[in-house]
C-alpha atoms as a PDB file:
ATOM      1  CA  MET A   1       0.000   0.000   0.000  1.00  0.00           C
ATOM      2  CA  GLU A   2       2.872   2.312   0.808  1.00  0.00           C
ATOM      3  CA  ILE A   3       4.365   1.822  -2.662  1.00  0.00           C
ATOM      4  CA  LEU A   4       1.004   2.501  -4.305  1.00  0.00           C
ATOM      5  CA  THR A   5       0.530   5.683  -2.276  1.00  0.00           C
ATOM      6  CA  ASN A   6       4.031   6.894  -3.120  1.00  0.00           C
ATOM      7  CA  TYR A   7       3.466   6.099  -6.821  1.00  0.00           C
ATOM      8  CA  HIS A   8       0.201   8.079  -6.788  1.00  0.00           C
ATOM      9  CA  CYS A   9       1.918  11.054  -5.168  1.00  0.00           C
ATOM     10  CA  GLN A  10       4.706  10.968  -7.758  1.00  0.00           C
ATOM     11  CA  ALA A  11       2.399  10.461 -10.751  1.00  0.00           C
ATOM     12  CA  GLN A  12      -0.390  12.860  -9.810  1.00  0.00           C
ATOM     13  CA  HIS A  13       1.362  15.505  -7.735  1.00  0.00           C
ATOM     14  CA  GLY A  14       4.999  15.334  -8.840  1.00  0.00           C
ATOM     15  CA  MET A  15       6.396  14.804  -5.343  1.00  0.00           C
ATOM     16  CA  SER A  16       7.022  11.944  -2.944  1.00  0.00           C
ATOM     17  CA  LYS A  17       4.640  11.110  -0.131  1.00  0.00           C
ATOM     18  CA  LYS A  18       7.053  12.626   2.413  1.00  0.00           C
ATOM     19  CA  GLU A  19       7.329  15.835   0.366  1.00  0.00           C
ATOM     20  CA  LEU A  20       3.552  15.987   0.006  1.00  0.00           C
ATOM     21  CA  ILE A  21       3.029  15.615   3.772  1.00  0.00           C
ATOM     22  CA  ALA A  22       5.747  18.184   4.484  1.00  0.00           C
ATOM     23  CA  HIS A  23       4.095  20.649   2.086  1.00  0.00           C
ATOM     24  CA  TYR A  24       0.388  20.097   2.886  1.00  0.00           C
ATOM     25  CA  GLY A  25       0.457  18.342   6.264  1.00  0.00           C
ATOM     26  CA  ALA A  26      -0.752  14.898   7.239  1.00  0.00           C
ATOM     27  CA  PRO A  27      -4.077  13.762   5.773  1.00  0.00           C
ATOM     28  CA  LYS A  28      -7.155  14.267   7.891  1.00  0.00           C
ATOM     29  CA  TYR A  29      -9.441  11.292   8.228  1.00  0.00           C
ATOM     30  CA  VAL A  30     -13.153  11.950   8.449  1.00  0.00           C
ATOM     31  CA  SER A  31     -16.018   9.571   8.884  1.00  0.00           C
ATOM     32  CA  PRO A  32     -18.914  10.071   6.506  1.00  0.00           C
ATOM     33  CA  THR A  33     -22.255  11.093   7.933  1.00  0.00           C
ATOM     34  CA  MET A  34     -25.672  10.285   6.559  1.00  0.00           C
ATOM     35  CA  SER A  35     -28.812  12.312   6.774  1.00  0.00           C
ATOM     36  CA  ARG A  36     -31.640  10.950   8.887  1.00  0.00           C
ATOM     37  CA  GLU A  37     -33.666  10.433   5.704  1.00  0.00           C
ATOM     38  CA  VAL A  38     -30.981   8.143   4.242  1.00  0.00           C
ATOM     39  CA  GLN A  39     -30.604   6.280   7.551  1.00  0.00           C
ATOM     40  CA  ASN A  40     -34.348   5.662   7.690  1.00  0.00           C
ATOM     41  CA  TRP A  41     -34.421   4.479   4.076  1.00  0.00           C
ATOM     42  CA  ILE A  42     -31.613   1.974   4.764  1.00  0.00           C
ATOM     43  CA  LYS A  43     -33.385   0.728   7.877  1.00  0.00           C
ATOM     44  CA  GLU A  44     -36.705   0.312   6.087  1.00  0.00           C
ATOM     45  CA  SER A  45     -35.288  -1.292   2.958  1.00  0.00           C
ATOM     46  CA  THR A  46     -32.961  -3.824   4.570  1.00  0.00           C
ATOM     47  CA  ILE A  47     -35.207  -5.315   7.225  1.00  0.00           C
ATOM     48  CA  ILE A  48     -37.160  -8.409   6.262  1.00  0.00           C
ATOM     49  CA  SER A  49     -40.768  -7.873   7.208  1.00  0.00           C
ATOM     50  CA  ARG A  50     -42.926 -10.533   8.836  1.00  0.00           C
ATOM     51  CA  VAL A  51     -44.857 -10.944   5.571  1.00  0.00           C
ATOM     52  CA  ASP A  52     -41.620 -11.563   3.636  1.00  0.00           C
ATOM     53  CA  PHE A  53     -40.646 -14.229   6.160  1.00  0.00           C
ATOM     54  CA  ASP A  54     -44.077 -15.896   6.153  1.00  0.00           C
ATOM     55  CA  VAL A  55     -44.191 -16.057   2.343  1.00  0.00           C
ATOM     56  CA  ALA A  56     -40.739 -17.652   2.197  1.00  0.00           C
ATOM     57  CA  GLN A  57     -41.674 -20.161   4.906  1.00  0.00           C
ATOM     58  CA  ALA A  58     -44.898 -21.102   3.120  1.00  0.00           C
ATOM     59  CA  ALA A  59     -43.014 -21.632  -0.144  1.00  0.00           C
ATOM     60  CA  ALA A  60     -40.462 -23.821   1.614  1.00  0.00           C
ATOM     61  CA  ARG A  61     -43.220 -25.884   3.263  1.00  0.00           C
ATOM     62  CA  ASN A  62     -44.906 -26.402  -0.115  1.00  0.00           C
ATOM     63  CA  LEU A  63     -41.652 -27.628  -1.626  1.00  0.00           C
ATOM     64  CA  VAL A  64     -41.091 -30.055   1.235  1.00  0.00           C
ATOM     65  CA  LYS A  65     -44.673 -31.427   0.976  1.00  0.00           C
ATOM     66  CA  ARG A  66     -44.200 -32.084  -2.760  1.00  0.00           C
ATOM     67  CA  SER A  67     -41.004 -34.094  -2.233  1.00  0.00           C
END
């Protein structure tokens, strides 16, 4: 990873990683935040509802009865 980072710095910025950090400072790491609307959409769309579960169970029971 270090080699890849250094290559990127050389190719894109024309300086080594050490030179880049000396010139601009160390990179700042941030964690992304999501709006409440996006969080609610993820919660609603990823949870299996009771109906989804019941339909899958009924289909599985039908397959077992046929065998």
